[in-house]
């Protein structure tokens, strides 16, 4: 998954996949706190709903506790353990970016506010893919995202979001994949990063 995102210049949060507490202790030394721990899943699970995302971890002991807690919750819910992701914590505005191949429109891309805003505001717009850079900018401006990234002293670059959308639309239109789910993708003053993603 990481390689295809890299191919289309889609930035991700720095991430490592681990399978044991020993590996966690070894790899965690290469990360700066705070970090996030969450399960890796090829099939996709509702991590937030099950309490499987542990964020703002600031020390090794808490990371180990989170590791064991994730395994415990997954076992309790009869979920297959496929590994745990250590991830740098990225602050910013949560967005949702998705794309899928559609039998009628061929390829479609979705964009809007992510995280908790998905259900509360239902602020998602759709376009037929691939889109141009100009169409990507129009897509951003058709949502409340443009207001939020420019509010309260923020001045996040919508051109970086437009490049991100353009790249995702190229990926779904070109590659032999059926769907892309990037939720959330987080935008801040440094750019936009895919934090949680699933490709199938």
N, C-alpha and C. Protein backbone atom coordinates (compact mmCIF):
# COMPACT_ATOMS: atom_id res chain seq x y z
N UNK A 1 0.82 -1.22 0.00
CA UNK A 1 0.00 0.00 0.00
C UNK A 1 0.85 1.26 0.00
N UNK A 2 1.89 1.24 0.82
CA UNK A 2 2.74 2.43 0.91
C UNK A 2 3.40 2.74 -0.43
N UNK A 3 3.80 1.70 -1.15
CA UNK A 3 4.53 1.91 -2.40
C UNK A 3 3.66 2.60 -3.46
N UNK A 4 2.38 2.23 -3.53
CA UNK A 4 1.51 2.84 -4.54
C UNK A 4 1.22 4.30 -4.18
N UNK A 5 1.11 4.61 -2.89
CA UNK A 5 0.92 6.00 -2.48
C UNK A 5 2.16 6.82 -2.80
N UNK A 6 3.30 6.25 -2.56
CA UNK A 6 4.56 6.94 -2.86
C UNK A 6 4.69 7.19 -4.36
N UNK A 7 4.26 6.22 -5.17
CA UNK A 7 4.31 6.35 -6.63
C UNK A 7 3.57 7.58 -7.11
N UNK A 8 2.47 7.93 -6.42
CA UNK A 8 1.66 9.09 -6.81
C UNK A 8 1.89 10.30 -5.92
N UNK A 9 3.04 10.32 -5.26
CA UNK A 9 3.47 11.47 -4.44
C UNK A 9 2.45 11.83 -3.36
N UNK A 10 1.80 10.80 -2.81
CA UNK A 10 0.85 11.01 -1.71
C UNK A 10 1.59 10.79 -0.40
N UNK A 11 1.77 11.87 0.35
CA UNK A 11 2.54 11.79 1.59
C UNK A 11 1.73 11.08 2.67
N UNK A 12 2.44 10.32 3.49
CA UNK A 12 1.81 9.63 4.61
C UNK A 12 2.51 10.02 5.91
N UNK A 13 1.83 9.80 7.02
CA UNK A 13 2.49 9.96 8.32
C UNK A 13 3.56 8.87 8.44
N UNK A 14 4.67 9.19 9.06
CA UNK A 14 5.72 8.19 9.24
C UNK A 14 5.15 7.02 10.06
N UNK A 15 5.31 5.81 9.53
CA UNK A 15 4.64 4.64 10.11
C UNK A 15 5.56 3.43 10.12
N UNK A 16 5.41 2.60 11.14
CA UNK A 16 6.11 1.31 11.19
C UNK A 16 5.12 0.24 11.61
N UNK A 17 5.20 -0.92 10.98
CA UNK A 17 4.34 -2.06 11.30
C UNK A 17 5.10 -3.02 12.19
N UNK A 18 4.50 -3.36 13.34
CA UNK A 18 5.15 -4.26 14.30
C UNK A 18 4.22 -5.42 14.63
N UNK A 19 4.82 -6.49 15.19
CA UNK A 19 4.04 -7.67 15.53
C UNK A 19 4.26 -8.13 16.96
N UNK A 20 5.24 -7.56 17.64
CA UNK A 20 5.54 -8.00 19.01
C UNK A 20 5.99 -6.82 19.86
N UNK A 21 5.90 -7.01 21.19
CA UNK A 21 6.34 -5.95 22.10
C UNK A 21 7.84 -5.70 22.01
N UNK A 22 8.62 -6.74 21.67
CA UNK A 22 10.06 -6.56 21.51
C UNK A 22 10.34 -5.64 20.32
N UNK A 23 9.65 -5.89 19.21
CA UNK A 23 9.82 -5.03 18.04
C UNK A 23 9.41 -3.61 18.36
N UNK A 24 8.33 -3.46 19.13
CA UNK A 24 7.88 -2.13 19.55
C UNK A 24 8.98 -1.41 20.29
N UNK A 25 9.60 -2.08 21.26
CA UNK A 25 10.65 -1.45 22.06
C UNK A 25 11.85 -1.05 21.20
N UNK A 26 12.14 -1.84 20.16
CA UNK A 26 13.28 -1.54 19.29
C UNK A 26 12.97 -0.36 18.36
N UNK A 27 11.81 -0.38 17.75
CA UNK A 27 11.48 0.61 16.72
C UNK A 27 11.08 1.95 17.30
N UNK A 28 10.46 1.92 18.47
CA UNK A 28 9.96 3.16 19.06
C UNK A 28 11.08 4.18 19.32
N UNK A 29 12.29 3.68 19.44
CA UNK A 29 13.44 4.58 19.67
C UNK A 29 13.67 5.53 18.50
N UNK A 30 13.21 5.13 17.31
CA UNK A 30 13.43 5.95 16.13
C UNK A 30 12.32 6.98 15.90
N UNK A 31 11.31 6.99 16.77
CA UNK A 31 10.20 7.93 16.64
C UNK A 31 10.31 9.04 17.68
N UNK A 32 9.84 10.22 17.30
CA UNK A 32 9.72 11.33 18.25
C UNK A 32 8.31 11.33 18.81
N UNK A 33 8.19 11.56 20.10
CA UNK A 33 6.86 11.65 20.71
C UNK A 33 6.23 13.01 20.39
N UNK A 34 4.89 13.08 20.36
CA UNK A 34 3.93 12.00 20.64
C UNK A 34 3.75 11.08 19.45
N UNK A 35 3.28 9.85 19.75
CA UNK A 35 3.02 8.87 18.70
C UNK A 35 1.61 8.32 18.86
N UNK A 36 1.19 7.58 17.84
CA UNK A 36 -0.14 6.95 17.83
C UNK A 36 0.05 5.46 17.61
N UNK A 37 -0.72 4.64 18.32
CA UNK A 37 -0.73 3.19 18.10
C UNK A 37 -2.15 2.78 17.69
N UNK A 38 -2.23 1.94 16.65
CA UNK A 38 -3.52 1.45 16.19
C UNK A 38 -3.29 0.14 15.45
N UNK A 39 -4.32 -0.68 15.32
CA UNK A 39 -4.12 -1.97 14.64
C UNK A 39 -4.00 -1.81 13.13
N UNK A 40 -3.26 -2.70 12.52
CA UNK A 40 -3.19 -2.78 11.06
C UNK A 40 -4.23 -3.79 10.61
N UNK A 41 -4.96 -3.45 9.55
CA UNK A 41 -5.98 -4.37 9.05
C UNK A 41 -6.10 -4.23 7.54
N UNK A 42 -6.03 -5.35 6.84
CA UNK A 42 -6.20 -5.34 5.39
C UNK A 42 -7.67 -5.24 5.01
N UNK A 43 -8.54 -5.72 5.88
CA UNK A 43 -9.97 -5.74 5.58
C UNK A 43 -10.69 -4.49 6.05
N UNK A 44 -10.13 -3.76 6.97
CA UNK A 44 -10.77 -2.55 7.46
C UNK A 44 -11.68 -2.83 8.64
N UNK A 45 -11.44 -2.14 9.74
CA UNK A 45 -12.28 -2.25 10.93
C UNK A 45 -12.53 -0.85 11.46
N UNK A 46 -13.60 -0.70 12.24
CA UNK A 46 -13.94 0.60 12.80
C UNK A 46 -13.09 0.84 14.06
N UNK A 47 -11.87 1.31 13.84
CA UNK A 47 -10.91 1.44 14.93
C UNK A 47 -11.41 2.36 16.04
N UNK A 48 -11.93 3.52 15.66
CA UNK A 48 -12.38 4.50 16.66
C UNK A 48 -13.55 3.95 17.48
N UNK A 49 -14.51 3.33 16.80
CA UNK A 49 -15.69 2.81 17.49
C UNK A 49 -15.33 1.76 18.53
N UNK A 50 -14.27 0.99 18.25
CA UNK A 50 -13.87 -0.08 19.16
C UNK A 50 -12.82 0.36 20.18
N UNK A 51 -12.44 1.64 20.14
CA UNK A 51 -11.44 2.13 21.08
C UNK A 51 -10.06 1.60 20.80
N UNK A 52 -9.74 1.44 19.51
CA UNK A 52 -8.47 0.83 19.12
C UNK A 52 -7.41 1.83 18.70
N UNK A 53 -7.70 3.13 18.81
CA UNK A 53 -6.71 4.14 18.46
C UNK A 53 -6.23 4.81 19.74
N UNK A 54 -4.93 4.71 19.98
CA UNK A 54 -4.32 5.32 21.16
C UNK A 54 -3.39 6.44 20.69
N UNK A 55 -3.78 7.67 20.95
CA UNK A 55 -3.01 8.82 20.46
C UNK A 55 -2.36 9.57 21.61
N UNK A 56 -1.50 10.50 21.25
CA UNK A 56 -0.78 11.34 22.24
C UNK A 56 0.03 10.51 23.23
N UNK A 57 0.58 9.39 22.76
CA UNK A 57 1.46 8.59 23.62
C UNK A 57 2.81 9.29 23.72
N UNK A 58 3.26 9.51 24.95
CA UNK A 58 4.48 10.31 25.15
C UNK A 58 5.62 9.55 25.83
N UNK A 59 5.41 8.25 26.12
CA UNK A 59 6.50 7.48 26.72
C UNK A 59 6.35 6.00 26.40
N UNK A 60 7.46 5.28 26.48
CA UNK A 60 7.53 3.87 26.09
C UNK A 60 6.55 3.02 26.89
N UNK A 61 6.44 3.28 28.18
CA UNK A 61 5.55 2.47 29.04
C UNK A 61 4.10 2.54 28.57
N UNK A 62 3.67 3.75 28.19
CA UNK A 62 2.29 3.92 27.71
C UNK A 62 2.10 3.23 26.35
N UNK A 63 3.14 3.22 25.53
CA UNK A 63 3.08 2.55 24.25
C UNK A 63 2.90 1.04 24.44
N UNK A 64 3.61 0.47 25.41
CA UNK A 64 3.48 -0.96 25.69
C UNK A 64 2.08 -1.29 26.21
N UNK A 65 1.55 -0.42 27.08
CA UNK A 65 0.20 -0.64 27.59
C UNK A 65 -0.82 -0.59 26.45
N UNK A 66 -0.62 0.36 25.53
CA UNK A 66 -1.53 0.47 24.39
C UNK A 66 -1.43 -0.77 23.51
N UNK A 67 -0.23 -1.29 23.32
CA UNK A 67 -0.01 -2.49 22.52
C UNK A 67 -0.83 -3.66 23.08
N UNK A 68 -0.72 -3.89 24.39
CA UNK A 68 -1.45 -4.99 25.01
C UNK A 68 -2.96 -4.76 24.98
N UNK A 69 -3.37 -3.50 25.17
CA UNK A 69 -4.80 -3.18 25.17
C UNK A 69 -5.41 -3.42 23.79
N UNK A 70 -4.70 -3.05 22.74
CA UNK A 70 -5.19 -3.28 21.38
C UNK A 70 -5.38 -4.78 21.13
N UNK A 71 -4.39 -5.58 21.52
CA UNK A 71 -4.50 -7.03 21.33
C UNK A 71 -5.68 -7.59 22.14
N UNK A 72 -5.88 -7.07 23.34
CA UNK A 72 -6.98 -7.54 24.20
C UNK A 72 -8.34 -7.22 23.57
N UNK A 73 -8.50 -5.99 23.08
CA UNK A 73 -9.77 -5.58 22.47
C UNK A 73 -10.05 -6.39 21.21
N UNK A 74 -9.01 -6.62 20.41
CA UNK A 74 -9.19 -7.37 19.18
C UNK A 74 -9.57 -8.82 19.47
N UNK A 75 -8.95 -9.40 20.47
CA UNK A 75 -9.28 -10.77 20.86
C UNK A 75 -10.71 -10.86 21.36
N UNK A 76 -11.11 -9.87 22.16
CA UNK A 76 -12.46 -9.84 22.71
C UNK A 76 -13.50 -9.74 21.61
N UNK A 77 -13.18 -9.01 20.54
CA UNK A 77 -14.11 -8.83 19.43
C UNK A 77 -13.89 -9.83 18.30
N UNK A 78 -13.06 -10.83 18.58
CA UNK A 78 -12.78 -11.92 17.63
C UNK A 78 -12.28 -11.38 16.29
N UNK A 79 -11.35 -10.43 16.37
CA UNK A 79 -10.74 -9.84 15.18
C UNK A 79 -9.35 -10.42 14.99
N UNK A 80 -8.98 -10.66 13.75
CA UNK A 80 -7.67 -11.23 13.46
C UNK A 80 -6.58 -10.20 13.73
N UNK A 81 -5.54 -10.61 14.44
CA UNK A 81 -4.40 -9.72 14.71
C UNK A 81 -3.45 -9.77 13.52
N UNK A 82 -3.32 -8.62 12.82
CA UNK A 82 -2.46 -8.55 11.64
C UNK A 82 -1.25 -7.64 11.87
N UNK A 83 -1.08 -7.19 13.09
CA UNK A 83 0.01 -6.29 13.42
C UNK A 83 -0.50 -4.96 13.95
N UNK A 84 0.40 -4.18 14.46
CA UNK A 84 0.06 -2.87 15.02
C UNK A 84 0.94 -1.80 14.38
N UNK A 85 0.33 -0.67 14.09
CA UNK A 85 1.05 0.44 13.49
C UNK A 85 1.49 1.44 14.55
N UNK A 86 2.78 1.79 14.50
CA UNK A 86 3.29 2.94 15.25
C UNK A 86 3.32 4.09 14.25
N UNK A 87 2.80 5.22 14.65
CA UNK A 87 2.71 6.33 13.70
C UNK A 87 3.00 7.66 14.38
N UNK A 88 3.72 8.52 13.66
CA UNK A 88 3.91 9.86 14.20
C UNK A 88 2.56 10.57 14.26
N UNK A 89 2.37 11.39 15.28
CA UNK A 89 1.10 12.11 15.41
C UNK A 89 1.18 13.41 14.61
N UNK A 90 0.23 13.60 13.71
CA UNK A 90 0.17 14.81 12.90
C UNK A 90 -1.05 15.62 13.29
N UNK A 91 -0.84 16.87 13.64
CA UNK A 91 -1.92 17.75 14.03
C UNK A 91 -2.42 18.52 12.80
N UNK A 92 -3.71 18.85 12.78
CA UNK A 92 -4.26 19.63 11.69
C UNK A 92 -5.74 19.40 11.51
N UNK A 93 -6.25 19.73 10.34
CA UNK A 93 -7.66 19.56 10.02
C UNK A 93 -7.86 18.21 9.34
N UNK A 94 -8.80 17.43 9.85
CA UNK A 94 -9.06 16.10 9.29
C UNK A 94 -9.96 16.20 8.06
N UNK A 95 -9.51 15.59 6.98
CA UNK A 95 -10.28 15.53 5.74
C UNK A 95 -10.52 14.08 5.37
N UNK A 96 -11.50 13.86 4.50
CA UNK A 96 -11.71 12.52 3.94
C UNK A 96 -11.51 12.61 2.43
N UNK A 97 -10.73 11.71 1.91
CA UNK A 97 -10.52 11.61 0.47
C UNK A 97 -10.74 10.15 0.10
N UNK A 98 -11.64 9.93 -0.84
CA UNK A 98 -11.92 8.56 -1.26
C UNK A 98 -12.08 8.49 -2.76
N UNK A 99 -11.95 7.31 -3.29
CA UNK A 99 -12.13 7.12 -4.73
C UNK A 99 -12.51 5.67 -4.98
N UNK A 100 -13.31 5.46 -6.02
CA UNK A 100 -13.65 4.09 -6.37
C UNK A 100 -14.01 4.01 -7.85
N UNK A 101 -13.89 2.81 -8.37
CA UNK A 101 -14.32 2.57 -9.74
C UNK A 101 -15.82 2.28 -9.71
N UNK A 102 -16.56 2.98 -10.57
CA UNK A 102 -18.01 2.88 -10.60
C UNK A 102 -18.44 2.31 -11.94
N UNK A 103 -19.42 1.38 -11.96
CA UNK A 103 -19.83 0.77 -13.23
C UNK A 103 -20.46 1.76 -14.21
N UNK A 104 -20.99 2.87 -13.69
CA UNK A 104 -21.62 3.88 -14.55
C UNK A 104 -20.65 4.99 -14.91
N UNK A 105 -20.02 5.60 -13.88
CA UNK A 105 -19.15 6.75 -14.10
C UNK A 105 -17.68 6.38 -14.29
N UNK A 106 -17.38 5.09 -14.26
CA UNK A 106 -16.01 4.57 -14.41
C UNK A 106 -15.18 4.80 -13.15
N UNK A 107 -14.85 6.05 -12.82
CA UNK A 107 -14.12 6.34 -11.59
C UNK A 107 -14.70 7.59 -10.94
N UNK A 108 -14.80 7.56 -9.60
CA UNK A 108 -15.36 8.68 -8.85
C UNK A 108 -14.43 9.01 -7.70
N UNK A 109 -14.28 10.31 -7.41
CA UNK A 109 -13.50 10.74 -6.26
C UNK A 109 -14.40 11.51 -5.30
N UNK A 110 -14.20 11.30 -4.00
CA UNK A 110 -14.99 11.96 -2.97
C UNK A 110 -14.07 12.80 -2.10
N UNK A 111 -14.59 13.94 -1.62
CA UNK A 111 -13.77 14.83 -0.80
C UNK A 111 -14.66 15.60 0.17
N UNK A 112 -14.16 15.81 1.38
CA UNK A 112 -14.89 16.62 2.35
C UNK A 112 -14.19 16.63 3.69
N UNK A 113 -14.88 17.15 4.69
CA UNK A 113 -14.35 17.17 6.05
C UNK A 113 -14.35 15.75 6.60
N UNK A 114 -13.29 15.36 7.28
CA UNK A 114 -13.16 14.00 7.77
C UNK A 114 -13.37 13.89 9.26
N UNK A 115 -12.97 12.74 9.81
CA UNK A 115 -13.11 12.51 11.24
C UNK A 115 -14.56 12.53 11.68
N UNK A 116 -14.82 13.17 12.81
CA UNK A 116 -16.19 13.24 13.35
C UNK A 116 -17.09 14.09 12.47
N UNK A 117 -16.50 14.98 11.65
CA UNK A 117 -17.32 15.86 10.81
C UNK A 117 -18.05 15.10 9.70
N UNK A 118 -17.57 13.92 9.34
CA UNK A 118 -18.20 13.15 8.27
C UNK A 118 -19.66 12.89 8.59
N UNK A 119 -19.93 12.39 9.80
CA UNK A 119 -21.30 12.06 10.19
C UNK A 119 -22.10 13.29 10.61
N UNK A 120 -21.43 14.26 11.23
CA UNK A 120 -22.15 15.43 11.76
C UNK A 120 -22.58 16.37 10.64
N UNK A 121 -21.65 16.73 9.76
CA UNK A 121 -21.94 17.72 8.73
C UNK A 121 -22.31 17.12 7.38
N UNK A 122 -21.94 15.85 7.19
CA UNK A 122 -22.20 15.18 5.90
C UNK A 122 -21.74 16.07 4.73
N UNK A 123 -20.53 16.62 4.91
CA UNK A 123 -19.97 17.59 3.97
C UNK A 123 -19.03 16.88 2.99
N UNK A 124 -19.59 16.11 2.07
CA UNK A 124 -18.77 15.40 1.10
C UNK A 124 -19.30 15.66 -0.30
N UNK A 125 -18.38 15.95 -1.22
CA UNK A 125 -18.72 16.19 -2.61
C UNK A 125 -18.06 15.12 -3.49
N UNK A 126 -18.67 14.85 -4.65
CA UNK A 126 -18.18 13.81 -5.55
C UNK A 126 -17.93 14.39 -6.93
N UNK A 127 -16.92 13.83 -7.61
CA UNK A 127 -16.62 14.21 -8.98
C UNK A 127 -16.19 12.96 -9.76
N UNK A 128 -16.42 12.98 -11.06
CA UNK A 128 -15.92 11.91 -11.91
C UNK A 128 -14.41 12.07 -12.08
N UNK A 129 -13.68 10.98 -11.93
CA UNK A 129 -12.22 11.00 -12.05
C UNK A 129 -11.80 10.46 -13.42
N UNK A 130 -10.64 10.90 -13.91
CA UNK A 130 -9.68 11.80 -13.24
C UNK A 130 -10.12 13.26 -13.33
N UNK A 131 -9.64 14.05 -12.37
CA UNK A 131 -9.93 15.48 -12.38
C UNK A 131 -8.65 16.26 -12.67
N UNK A 132 -8.81 17.47 -13.18
CA UNK A 132 -7.67 18.35 -13.42
C UNK A 132 -7.35 19.09 -12.13
N UNK A 133 -6.23 19.79 -12.11
CA UNK A 133 -5.86 20.59 -10.95
C UNK A 133 -6.92 21.68 -10.72
N UNK A 134 -7.41 22.29 -11.80
CA UNK A 134 -8.43 23.33 -11.68
C UNK A 134 -9.73 22.76 -11.11
N UNK A 135 -10.10 21.57 -11.54
CA UNK A 135 -11.31 20.93 -11.02
C UNK A 135 -11.13 20.54 -9.55
N UNK A 136 -9.91 20.19 -9.18
CA UNK A 136 -9.63 19.87 -7.78
C UNK A 136 -9.82 21.11 -6.90
N UNK A 137 -9.36 22.25 -7.37
CA UNK A 137 -9.54 23.50 -6.62
C UNK A 137 -11.02 23.84 -6.51
N UNK A 138 -11.77 23.64 -7.58
CA UNK A 138 -13.21 23.90 -7.55
C UNK A 138 -13.91 22.96 -6.57
N UNK A 139 -13.44 21.72 -6.50
CA UNK A 139 -14.01 20.75 -5.58
C UNK A 139 -13.79 21.20 -4.13
N UNK A 140 -12.59 21.66 -3.82
CA UNK A 140 -12.29 22.15 -2.48
C UNK A 140 -13.18 23.33 -2.12
N UNK A 141 -13.33 24.26 -3.07
CA UNK A 141 -14.11 25.48 -2.82
C UNK A 141 -15.61 25.21 -2.75
N UNK A 142 -16.04 24.02 -3.18
CA UNK A 142 -17.46 23.68 -3.10
C UNK A 142 -17.84 23.14 -1.72
N UNK A 143 -16.86 23.00 -0.84
CA UNK A 143 -17.11 22.49 0.52
C UNK A 143 -16.72 23.54 1.56
N UNK A 144 -17.04 23.25 2.82
CA UNK A 144 -16.68 24.14 3.92
C UNK A 144 -15.20 24.03 4.28
N UNK A 145 -14.52 23.10 3.63
CA UNK A 145 -13.09 22.92 3.90
C UNK A 145 -12.33 24.22 3.67
N UNK A 146 -12.67 24.93 2.58
CA UNK A 146 -11.95 26.15 2.23
C UNK A 146 -12.09 27.20 3.33
N UNK A 147 -13.26 27.27 3.97
CA UNK A 147 -13.47 28.23 5.05
C UNK A 147 -12.65 27.85 6.28
N UNK A 148 -12.62 26.56 6.59
CA UNK A 148 -11.95 26.10 7.80
C UNK A 148 -10.43 26.24 7.70
N UNK A 149 -9.86 25.94 6.52
CA UNK A 149 -8.40 26.01 6.41
C UNK A 149 -7.90 27.45 6.36
N UNK A 150 -8.82 28.40 6.23
CA UNK A 150 -8.44 29.82 6.22
C UNK A 150 -8.94 30.56 7.47
N UNK A 151 -9.48 29.83 8.44
CA UNK A 151 -10.08 30.48 9.61
C UNK A 151 -9.15 30.45 10.82
N UNK A 152 -9.44 31.31 11.78
CA UNK A 152 -8.73 31.35 13.07
C UNK A 152 -7.22 31.41 12.92
N UNK A 153 -6.77 32.26 12.03
CA UNK A 153 -5.34 32.45 11.84
C UNK A 153 -4.67 31.40 10.98
N UNK A 154 -5.43 30.42 10.52
CA UNK A 154 -4.85 29.40 9.64
C UNK A 154 -4.75 29.95 8.22
N UNK A 155 -3.77 29.46 7.50
CA UNK A 155 -3.64 29.80 6.09
C UNK A 155 -3.03 28.61 5.36
N UNK A 156 -3.72 27.47 5.47
CA UNK A 156 -3.21 26.26 4.84
C UNK A 156 -3.39 26.36 3.33
N UNK A 157 -2.49 25.78 2.60
CA UNK A 157 -2.41 25.95 1.15
C UNK A 157 -3.37 25.00 0.43
N UNK A 158 -4.44 25.56 -0.16
CA UNK A 158 -5.39 24.72 -0.88
C UNK A 158 -4.78 24.10 -2.12
N UNK A 159 -3.69 24.68 -2.65
CA UNK A 159 -3.03 24.10 -3.82
C UNK A 159 -2.41 22.74 -3.50
N UNK A 160 -1.94 22.57 -2.27
CA UNK A 160 -1.38 21.28 -1.86
C UNK A 160 -2.49 20.23 -1.75
N UNK A 161 -3.67 20.67 -1.28
CA UNK A 161 -4.80 19.75 -1.21
C UNK A 161 -5.24 19.38 -2.63
N UNK A 162 -5.25 20.37 -3.53
CA UNK A 162 -5.64 20.13 -4.92
C UNK A 162 -4.68 19.14 -5.58
N UNK A 163 -3.38 19.27 -5.34
CA UNK A 163 -2.40 18.32 -5.88
C UNK A 163 -2.67 16.92 -5.35
N UNK A 164 -3.01 16.84 -4.07
CA UNK A 164 -3.32 15.57 -3.42
C UNK A 164 -4.52 14.91 -4.09
N UNK A 165 -5.59 15.69 -4.32
CA UNK A 165 -6.79 15.17 -4.96
C UNK A 165 -6.51 14.74 -6.40
N UNK A 166 -5.74 15.55 -7.10
CA UNK A 166 -5.36 15.22 -8.47
C UNK A 166 -4.61 13.88 -8.51
N UNK A 167 -3.68 13.69 -7.59
CA UNK A 167 -2.88 12.47 -7.56
C UNK A 167 -3.73 11.24 -7.24
N UNK A 168 -4.67 11.40 -6.30
CA UNK A 168 -5.57 10.29 -5.96
C UNK A 168 -6.44 9.93 -7.16
N UNK A 169 -6.92 10.96 -7.87
CA UNK A 169 -7.78 10.70 -9.03
C UNK A 169 -7.00 9.99 -10.14
N UNK A 170 -5.72 10.32 -10.28
CA UNK A 170 -4.88 9.64 -11.26
C UNK A 170 -4.66 8.18 -10.86
N UNK A 171 -4.49 7.95 -9.57
CA UNK A 171 -4.25 6.60 -9.08
C UNK A 171 -5.45 5.70 -9.32
N UNK A 172 -6.68 6.15 -8.98
CA UNK A 172 -7.85 5.31 -9.15
C UNK A 172 -8.15 5.09 -10.63
N UNK A 173 -7.78 6.06 -11.47
CA UNK A 173 -8.08 5.95 -12.90
C UNK A 173 -7.06 5.10 -13.65
N UNK A 174 -5.86 4.97 -13.09
CA UNK A 174 -4.76 4.31 -13.79
C UNK A 174 -4.45 2.91 -13.28
N UNK A 175 -4.48 2.74 -11.97
CA UNK A 175 -4.05 1.48 -11.38
C UNK A 175 -5.16 0.42 -11.39
N UNK A 176 -4.76 -0.83 -11.24
CA UNK A 176 -5.72 -1.93 -11.16
C UNK A 176 -6.20 -2.11 -9.73
N UNK A 177 -6.88 -1.09 -9.23
CA UNK A 177 -7.46 -1.11 -7.89
C UNK A 177 -8.93 -0.72 -8.03
N UNK A 178 -9.72 -1.04 -7.02
CA UNK A 178 -11.16 -0.73 -7.09
C UNK A 178 -11.58 0.40 -6.16
N UNK A 179 -10.81 0.64 -5.10
CA UNK A 179 -11.21 1.69 -4.15
C UNK A 179 -10.02 2.19 -3.34
N UNK A 180 -10.11 3.45 -2.95
CA UNK A 180 -9.11 4.09 -2.09
C UNK A 180 -9.87 4.81 -0.99
N UNK A 181 -9.48 4.59 0.26
CA UNK A 181 -10.13 5.27 1.39
C UNK A 181 -9.04 5.91 2.25
N UNK A 182 -8.98 7.23 2.23
CA UNK A 182 -8.01 7.98 3.02
C UNK A 182 -8.79 8.80 4.04
N UNK A 183 -9.00 8.25 5.22
CA UNK A 183 -9.79 8.93 6.24
C UNK A 183 -9.26 8.59 7.63
N UNK A 184 -8.57 9.55 8.27
CA UNK A 184 -8.44 10.91 7.74
C UNK A 184 -7.17 11.12 6.94
N UNK A 185 -7.24 12.16 6.11
CA UNK A 185 -6.04 12.80 5.59
C UNK A 185 -5.96 14.12 6.35
N UNK A 186 -4.81 14.47 6.85
CA UNK A 186 -4.71 15.66 7.70
C UNK A 186 -3.91 16.75 6.99
N UNK A 187 -4.50 17.95 6.96
CA UNK A 187 -3.83 19.10 6.34
C UNK A 187 -3.38 20.06 7.43
N UNK A 188 -2.16 20.57 7.28
CA UNK A 188 -1.65 21.60 8.18
C UNK A 188 -0.72 22.51 7.38
N UNK A 189 0.06 23.33 8.06
CA UNK A 189 0.90 24.30 7.37
C UNK A 189 2.00 23.64 6.53
N UNK A 190 2.29 22.36 6.79
CA UNK A 190 3.33 21.66 6.04
C UNK A 190 2.81 20.94 4.79
N UNK A 191 1.50 20.77 4.70
CA UNK A 191 0.92 20.07 3.56
C UNK A 191 -0.21 19.16 3.99
N UNK A 192 -0.44 18.10 3.24
CA UNK A 192 -1.51 17.16 3.54
C UNK A 192 -0.94 15.74 3.56
N UNK A 193 -1.37 14.97 4.55
CA UNK A 193 -0.80 13.64 4.80
C UNK A 193 -1.91 12.61 4.97
N UNK A 194 -1.77 11.46 4.31
CA UNK A 194 -2.68 10.34 4.52
C UNK A 194 -2.29 9.66 5.82
N UNK A 195 -3.18 9.68 6.79
CA UNK A 195 -2.90 9.13 8.11
C UNK A 195 -3.46 7.71 8.26
N UNK A 196 -4.68 7.53 7.82
CA UNK A 196 -5.28 6.20 7.83
C UNK A 196 -5.75 5.90 6.41
N UNK A 197 -5.37 4.77 5.88
CA UNK A 197 -5.71 4.52 4.48
C UNK A 197 -5.94 3.04 4.22
N UNK A 198 -6.79 2.79 3.22
CA UNK A 198 -7.08 1.43 2.78
C UNK A 198 -7.23 1.44 1.27
N UNK A 199 -6.59 0.50 0.62
CA UNK A 199 -6.64 0.39 -0.84
C UNK A 199 -7.01 -1.05 -1.18
N UNK A 200 -7.95 -1.20 -2.11
CA UNK A 200 -8.30 -2.56 -2.49
C UNK A 200 -8.59 -2.62 -4.00
